Amino acid sequence: MRRLFKNVKKLQVSRKSFVLSHDKSELFQDHYELKEQLGSGNYGTVHACLHLDSDDIRAVKILRKEKIQDDSFRNEIDTLKELDHPNILRIYESFEDDKNYYVVTEFCDGGELFEEIIEWGKFTEEDAAVLMKQILTCVNYCHKRNFVHRDLKPENILLEKDKGFDHLKICDFGTAKLFDEEAGGAKARLKDSVGSPYYIAPEVLAGSYGTKCDVWSCGVIAYIVLSGVPPFNGFSDEEIYDRIMEGRYNFDGDEWSDISDEAVDFISSLLTYEEKDRPTAHEALTHKWLDIARMELQEGFATKDAVNGLVRCCCCVSR
């Protein structure tokens, strides 16, 4: 029996094998029924949709071709085909017609993390630790596969209803980049300034950076979910960028009075200004503060807190 299979090559199965990309001969409407709109943006809309063959509810991002002027659409599809992780939004298939692109993904009915921050303000340390552990685990996975996200923020983190922060999904990989930092050596650097106000790392603004820009963004997210306010604030994008480049933030407000020293140390490590001294995602996962992360979300959040000016951070910047 062993001889019969000795010349058979090992079967390689990847996420890419299960993602379908259709040409114009197959239409989205032939496979799905469009349902309620879930959101909208500069490039199109997001809807719930019913898969006609399986009766599964999924989500579809409908992008108007006339609005697409770069390769972010194709880049997101190609990136998601390569990544397979429980905390990354799953892509099923894509379609196109004369006017639109359609990207079908799994459906997350809990909304964006951003909406939770606006509604509840700061979180308990237990909830925040569960959240950050999931985000960093996903970021570490991406970095080990040589992908850097470059636009981590609460708007790009989706939640599943009634399942807690241990079931979050990171999405929007349109600006993600395949980047082999180790193979390229010390000279391997990314140059283009991509990201969002509040969350962008100083080295990105300076025009020379690597994968640790994602770790900085994680630090900003951790600061916000524990305090309800961003560490680098301002009345304009330029003012925010200036604050980021100065690298000055503090834990002096009343919102930090009941936060543990371990949590403050965790955030401070992720927001280390010098990129070379900042921990990797893998190193950040070993921080003792994350030991309090529990797989079940505790009931209740801390009292609501103001999130002044945070609504502006949903606008991406590429300068």
Protein backbone atom coordinates (compact mmCIF):
# COMPACT_ATOMS: atom_id res chain seq x y z
CA MET A 1 0.00 0.00 0.00
CA ARG A 2 2.83 2.37 0.86
CA ARG A 3 4.31 1.92 -2.62
CA LEU A 4 1.07 3.07 -4.26
CA PHE A 5 1.42 6.51 -2.69
CA LYS A 6 5.16 7.04 -2.64
CA ASN A 7 5.07 9.30 -5.70
CA VAL A 8 2.03 11.28 -4.64
CA LYS A 9 2.90 14.85 -3.67
CA LYS A 10 1.77 16.17 -0.31
CA LEU A 11 -1.54 17.97 -0.56
CA GLN A 12 -1.23 21.69 0.24
CA VAL A 13 -4.43 23.31 1.47
CA SER A 14 -4.61 27.02 2.31
CA ARG A 15 -7.22 29.74 2.81
CA LYS A 16 -6.55 30.79 -0.79
CA SER A 17 -8.01 27.48 -1.97
CA PHE A 18 -11.42 28.39 -0.52
CA VAL A 19 -11.71 32.02 -1.67
CA LEU A 20 -13.49 32.42 -5.00
CA SER A 21 -12.80 35.34 -7.33
CA HIS A 22 -15.47 35.59 -10.03
CA ASP A 23 -15.26 37.46 -13.30
CA LYS A 24 -18.15 39.40 -14.83
CA SER A 25 -19.75 36.19 -16.13
CA GLU A 26 -21.00 35.44 -12.61
CA LEU A 27 -22.97 38.14 -10.85
CA PHE A 28 -23.31 38.76 -7.13
CA GLN A 29 -27.11 38.80 -7.53
CA ASP A 30 -27.05 35.23 -8.87
CA HIS A 31 -25.71 33.94 -5.56
CA TYR A 32 -26.92 36.40 -2.91
CA GLU A 33 -29.94 38.40 -1.83
CA LEU A 34 -29.03 41.88 -0.63
CA LYS A 35 -30.31 42.78 2.86
CA GLU A 36 -30.12 45.84 5.12
CA GLN A 37 -27.32 48.36 4.91
CA LEU A 38 -24.84 48.11 7.79
CA GLY A 39 -22.60 51.06 7.02
CA SER A 40 -21.25 53.42 4.38
CA GLY A 41 -18.04 55.21 3.49
CA ASN A 42 -16.33 57.22 0.79
CA TYR A 43 -15.98 54.24 -1.54
CA GLY A 44 -19.27 52.42 -1.07
CA THR A 45 -21.54 50.60 1.37
CA VAL A 46 -21.64 47.47 3.52
CA HIS A 47 -24.76 45.32 3.59
CA ALA A 48 -25.93 42.08 5.12
CA CYS A 49 -26.67 39.48 2.45
CA LEU A 50 -28.24 36.03 2.25
CA HIS A 51 -26.27 33.25 0.55
CA LEU A 52 -28.93 31.55 -1.55
CA ASP A 53 -27.38 28.08 -1.54
CA SER A 54 -26.72 27.80 2.19
CA ASP A 55 -29.13 30.37 3.73
CA ASP A 56 -26.13 31.80 5.61
CA ILE A 57 -26.14 35.48 6.49
CA ARG A 58 -22.93 37.14 5.35
CA ALA A 59 -21.71 40.68 4.78
CA VAL A 60 -20.84 42.29 1.47
CA LYS A 61 -18.76 45.38 0.86
CA ILE A 62 -19.95 47.08 -2.34
CA LEU A 63 -17.32 49.41 -3.78
CA ARG A 64 -18.04 51.81 -6.63
CA LYS A 65 -15.43 51.45 -9.35
CA GLU A 66 -15.50 55.16 -10.11
CA LYS A 67 -14.33 55.86 -6.55
CA ILE A 68 -11.45 53.36 -6.54
CA GLN A 69 -8.24 55.07 -7.64
CA ASP A 70 -5.66 52.74 -6.10
CA ASP A 71 -5.06 49.02 -5.62
CA SER A 72 -6.32 48.80 -2.02
CA PHE A 73 -9.33 46.73 -3.09
CA ARG A 74 -7.23 44.07 -4.80
CA ASN A 75 -4.63 44.28 -2.05
CA GLU A 76 -7.20 43.51 0.65
CA ILE A 77 -8.50 40.46 -1.20
CA ASP A 78 -5.00 39.15 -1.93
CA THR A 79 -3.93 39.70 1.70
CA LEU A 80 -6.98 38.02 3.24
CA LYS A 81 -6.45 35.02 0.95
CA GLU A 82 -3.08 34.49 2.61
CA LEU A 83 -4.21 34.85 6.22
CA ASP A 84 -6.19 32.33 8.24
CA HIS A 85 -6.73 33.26 11.88
CA PRO A 86 -9.81 33.22 14.15
CA ASN A 87 -9.41 36.95 14.83
CA ILE A 88 -9.20 37.97 11.16
CA LEU A 89 -12.38 38.61 9.20
CA ARG A 90 -12.93 35.72 6.82
CA ILE A 91 -13.42 36.42 3.12
CA TYR A 92 -15.57 34.05 1.06
CA GLU A 93 -15.57 35.40 -2.48
CA SER A 94 -15.57 38.46 -4.69
CA PHE A 95 -17.56 39.59 -7.71
CA GLU A 96 -17.58 42.53 -10.08
CA ASP A 97 -19.85 44.07 -12.66
CA ASP A 98 -19.56 47.18 -14.79
CA LYS A 99 -20.13 49.56 -11.86
CA ASN A 100 -19.12 47.80 -8.65
CA TYR A 101 -16.83 45.40 -6.86
CA TYR A 102 -18.40 43.05 -4.30
CA VAL A 103 -16.40 41.49 -1.46
CA VAL A 104 -18.30 38.88 0.58
CA THR A 105 -17.11 38.23 4.14
CA GLU A 106 -18.38 36.66 7.32
CA PHE A 107 -21.01 38.65 9.20
CA CYS A 108 -20.23 40.16 12.62
CA ASP A 109 -23.39 41.37 14.32
CA GLY A 110 -21.78 43.09 17.31
CA GLY A 111 -20.68 46.22 15.47
CA GLU A 112 -17.36 48.05 15.71
CA LEU A 113 -15.21 48.37 18.81
CA PHE A 114 -15.34 52.12 18.14
CA GLU A 115 -19.08 52.08 18.80
CA GLU A 116 -18.51 50.32 22.14
CA ILE A 117 -16.01 52.98 23.16
CA ILE A 118 -18.44 55.77 22.28
CA GLU A 119 -21.28 54.07 24.14
CA TRP A 120 -19.51 52.89 27.26
CA GLY A 121 -16.37 54.98 27.66
CA LYS A 122 -13.52 53.24 29.45
CA PHE A 123 -13.56 49.48 30.06
CA THR A 124 -12.61 47.37 33.07
CA GLU A 125 -9.03 46.15 33.11
CA GLU A 126 -10.23 42.56 32.74
CA ASP A 127 -12.17 43.38 29.57
CA ALA A 128 -9.34 45.53 28.21
CA ALA A 129 -6.81 42.76 28.82
CA VAL A 130 -8.98 40.22 26.97
CA LEU A 131 -9.33 42.67 24.10
CA MET A 132 -5.62 43.50 23.84
CA LYS A 133 -4.58 39.88 24.09
CA GLN A 134 -6.76 39.01 21.09
CA ILE A 135 -5.53 41.97 19.05
CA LEU A 136 -1.85 41.30 19.78
CA THR A 137 -2.25 37.59 19.09
CA CYS A 138 -3.63 38.46 15.67
CA VAL A 139 -0.95 41.09 15.01
CA ASN A 140 1.75 38.62 16.01
CA TYR A 141 0.29 36.08 13.57
CA CYS A 142 0.35 38.63 10.74
CA HIS A 143 3.91 39.72 11.49
CA LYS A 144 5.16 36.14 11.56
CA ARG A 145 3.73 35.80 8.06
CA ASN A 146 5.42 39.04 7.02
CA PHE A 147 2.27 41.18 6.84
CA VAL A 148 1.97 44.55 8.55
CA HIS A 149 -1.57 45.95 8.88
CA ARG A 150 -0.71 49.68 9.10
CA ASP A 151 -4.19 50.89 10.04
CA LEU A 152 -5.17 49.30 13.33
CA LYS A 153 -7.92 51.26 15.07
CA PRO A 154 -11.26 50.56 16.81
CA GLU A 155 -13.21 51.11 13.58
CA ASN A 156 -11.35 48.16 12.05
CA ILE A 157 -12.11 45.79 14.90
CA LEU A 158 -15.49 44.05 14.69
CA LEU A 159 -17.31 42.30 17.53
CA GLU A 160 -19.70 39.38 17.60
CA LYS A 161 -22.89 39.98 19.54
CA ASP A 162 -23.02 38.39 23.02
CA LYS A 163 -19.65 36.65 22.52
CA GLY A 164 -17.29 39.02 24.29
CA PHE A 165 -13.94 40.43 23.26
CA ASP A 166 -12.39 37.01 22.77
CA HIS A 167 -14.34 36.72 19.50
CA LEU A 168 -13.29 39.97 17.85
CA LYS A 169 -12.36 40.21 14.17
CA ILE A 170 -9.77 42.54 12.67
CA CYS A 171 -10.73 43.82 9.23
CA ASP A 172 -9.81 46.37 6.55
CA PHE A 173 -6.51 45.06 5.20
CA GLY A 174 -6.60 47.45 2.24
CA THR A 175 -3.36 49.17 3.31
CA ALA A 176 -1.67 46.00 4.62
CA LYS A 177 1.77 45.30 3.23
CA LEU A 178 3.79 42.16 2.64
CA PHE A 179 7.07 43.06 4.30
CA ASP A 180 9.84 40.62 5.21
CA GLU A 181 11.74 42.66 7.76
CA GLU A 182 14.22 39.94 8.72
CA ALA A 183 15.15 38.98 5.15
CA GLY A 184 15.71 42.61 4.20
CA GLY A 185 18.01 43.36 7.11
CA ALA A 186 18.57 46.74 8.72
CA LYS A 187 17.93 48.60 5.46
CA ALA A 188 14.46 47.07 4.98
CA ARG A 189 12.08 49.94 5.69
CA LEU A 190 8.64 51.01 4.58
CA LYS A 191 8.41 54.60 3.37
CA ASP A 192 4.82 55.52 2.50
CA SER A 193 2.85 57.34 5.19
CA VAL A 194 -0.31 55.29 5.73
CA GLY A 195 -2.58 55.21 8.77
CA SER A 196 -5.17 57.16 10.74
CA PRO A 197 -4.97 60.17 13.03
CA TYR A 198 -4.52 59.27 16.72
CA TYR A 199 -3.17 55.78 15.90
CA ILE A 200 -0.31 56.40 13.47
CA ALA A 201 3.20 55.81 14.81
CA PRO A 202 5.85 58.58 14.84
CA GLU A 203 8.20 56.61 12.60
CA VAL A 204 5.43 56.34 9.97
CA LEU A 205 5.08 60.12 9.98
CA ALA A 206 8.86 60.34 9.69
CA GLY A 207 8.75 58.15 6.58
CA SER A 208 10.83 55.12 7.66
CA TYR A 209 9.31 52.25 9.60
CA GLY A 210 8.75 48.52 10.06
CA THR A 211 6.22 46.14 11.60
CA LYS A 212 6.35 47.76 15.06
CA CYS A 213 4.11 50.56 13.82
CA ASP A 214 1.27 48.11 14.50
CA VAL A 215 2.46 47.69 18.10
CA TRP A 216 2.30 51.47 18.60
CA SER A 217 -1.29 51.47 17.32
CA CYS A 218 -2.10 48.72 19.83
CA GLY A 219 -0.72 50.96 22.57
CA VAL A 220 -3.01 53.79 21.52
CA ILE A 221 -6.01 51.43 21.49
CA ALA A 222 -5.12 50.15 24.98
CA TYR A 223 -4.80 53.72 26.29
CA ILE A 224 -8.22 54.64 24.88
CA VAL A 225 -10.15 51.60 26.13
CA LEU A 226 -8.78 52.07 29.65
CA SER A 227 -9.29 55.84 29.88
CA GLY A 228 -11.89 56.80 27.27
CA VAL A 229 -9.59 59.44 25.74
CA PRO A 230 -6.73 59.30 23.21
CA PRO A 231 -3.12 59.81 24.36
CA PHE A 232 -2.40 62.26 21.55
CA ASN A 233 -5.22 64.73 21.04
CA GLY A 234 -5.69 67.94 19.08
CA PHE A 235 -8.11 70.17 17.19
CA SER A 236 -6.70 69.23 13.78
CA ASP A 237 -4.81 66.39 12.16
CA GLU A 238 -1.66 68.49 12.06
CA GLU A 239 -1.88 69.21 15.77
CA ILE A 240 -2.36 65.51 16.50
CA TYR A 241 0.65 64.65 14.35
CA ASP A 242 2.76 67.22 16.18
CA ARG A 243 1.81 65.67 19.53
CA ILE A 244 2.67 62.20 18.21
CA MET A 245 6.05 63.38 16.93
CA GLU A 246 6.77 64.90 20.33
CA GLY A 247 5.89 61.55 21.89
CA ARG A 248 4.49 63.15 25.02
CA TYR A 249 1.53 61.62 26.83
CA ASN A 250 0.64 61.11 30.48
CA PHE A 251 -1.47 59.16 32.95
CA ASP A 252 -2.30 62.16 35.14
CA GLY A 253 -6.06 62.43 34.61
CA ASP A 254 -8.69 61.23 37.07
CA GLU A 255 -9.55 58.42 34.66
CA TRP A 256 -6.23 56.76 35.58
CA SER A 257 -6.69 56.92 39.36
CA ASP A 258 -7.97 53.34 39.62
CA ILE A 259 -5.83 51.79 36.87
CA SER A 260 -3.10 49.37 37.96
CA ASP A 261 0.62 50.02 37.62
CA GLU A 262 0.86 46.90 35.45
CA ALA A 263 -1.62 48.33 32.95
CA VAL A 264 0.24 51.64 32.81
CA ASP A 265 3.52 49.78 32.26
CA PHE A 266 1.95 47.71 29.48
CA ILE A 267 0.75 50.79 27.61
CA SER A 268 4.04 52.63 28.17
CA SER A 269 5.97 49.74 26.64
CA LEU A 270 3.81 49.71 23.49
CA LEU A 271 4.11 53.49 23.18
CA THR A 272 7.90 53.46 23.46
CA TYR A 273 8.95 56.28 21.14
CA GLU A 274 12.15 54.71 19.82
CA GLU A 275 11.07 51.95 17.48
CA LYS A 276 14.12 49.78 18.19
CA ASP A 277 13.31 49.77 21.92
CA ARG A 278 9.61 49.01 21.45
CA PRO A 279 8.60 45.36 21.99
CA THR A 280 7.49 43.16 19.13
CA ALA A 281 3.93 41.85 19.18
CA HIS A 282 5.29 38.51 20.41
CA GLU A 283 7.18 40.19 23.25
CA ALA A 284 4.17 42.32 24.18
CA LEU A 285 2.10 39.16 24.62
CA THR A 286 4.39 38.08 27.46
CA HIS A 287 3.66 41.18 29.57
CA LYS A 288 2.37 40.27 33.03
CA TRP A 289 -0.65 42.57 32.75
CA LEU A 290 -2.17 40.25 30.14
CA ASP A 291 -2.26 37.48 32.76
CA ILE A 292 -5.54 38.94 33.99
CA ALA A 293 -7.14 38.35 30.58
CA ARG A 294 -10.07 35.95 30.97
CA MET A 295 -11.81 34.13 28.15
CA GLU A 296 -15.23 35.07 29.47
CA LEU A 297 -16.26 38.70 29.44
CA GLN A 298 -17.21 39.95 32.90
CA GLU A 299 -20.59 41.61 33.09
CA GLY A 300 -20.67 45.35 33.22
CA PHE A 301 -18.34 48.12 32.22
CA ALA A 302 -16.98 51.02 34.19
CA THR A 303 -18.87 54.30 34.26
CA LYS A 304 -19.16 56.13 30.96
CA ASP A 305 -16.42 58.62 30.21
CA ALA A 306 -16.13 61.41 27.66
CA VAL A 307 -14.45 60.59 24.35
CA ASN A 308 -13.81 64.17 23.25
CA GLY A 309 -12.83 64.49 19.63
CA LEU A 310 -12.49 60.73 19.08
CA VAL A 311 -15.14 60.67 16.35
CA ARG A 312 -12.63 62.33 14.05
CA CYS A 313 -10.32 59.33 14.11
CA CYS A 314 -12.49 57.42 11.65
CA CYS A 315 -10.89 59.43 8.84
CA CYS A 316 -7.87 57.78 7.24
CA VAL A 317 -4.85 59.79 6.21
CA SER A 318 -2.27 59.17 3.56
CA ARG A 319 0.04 62.10 3.28
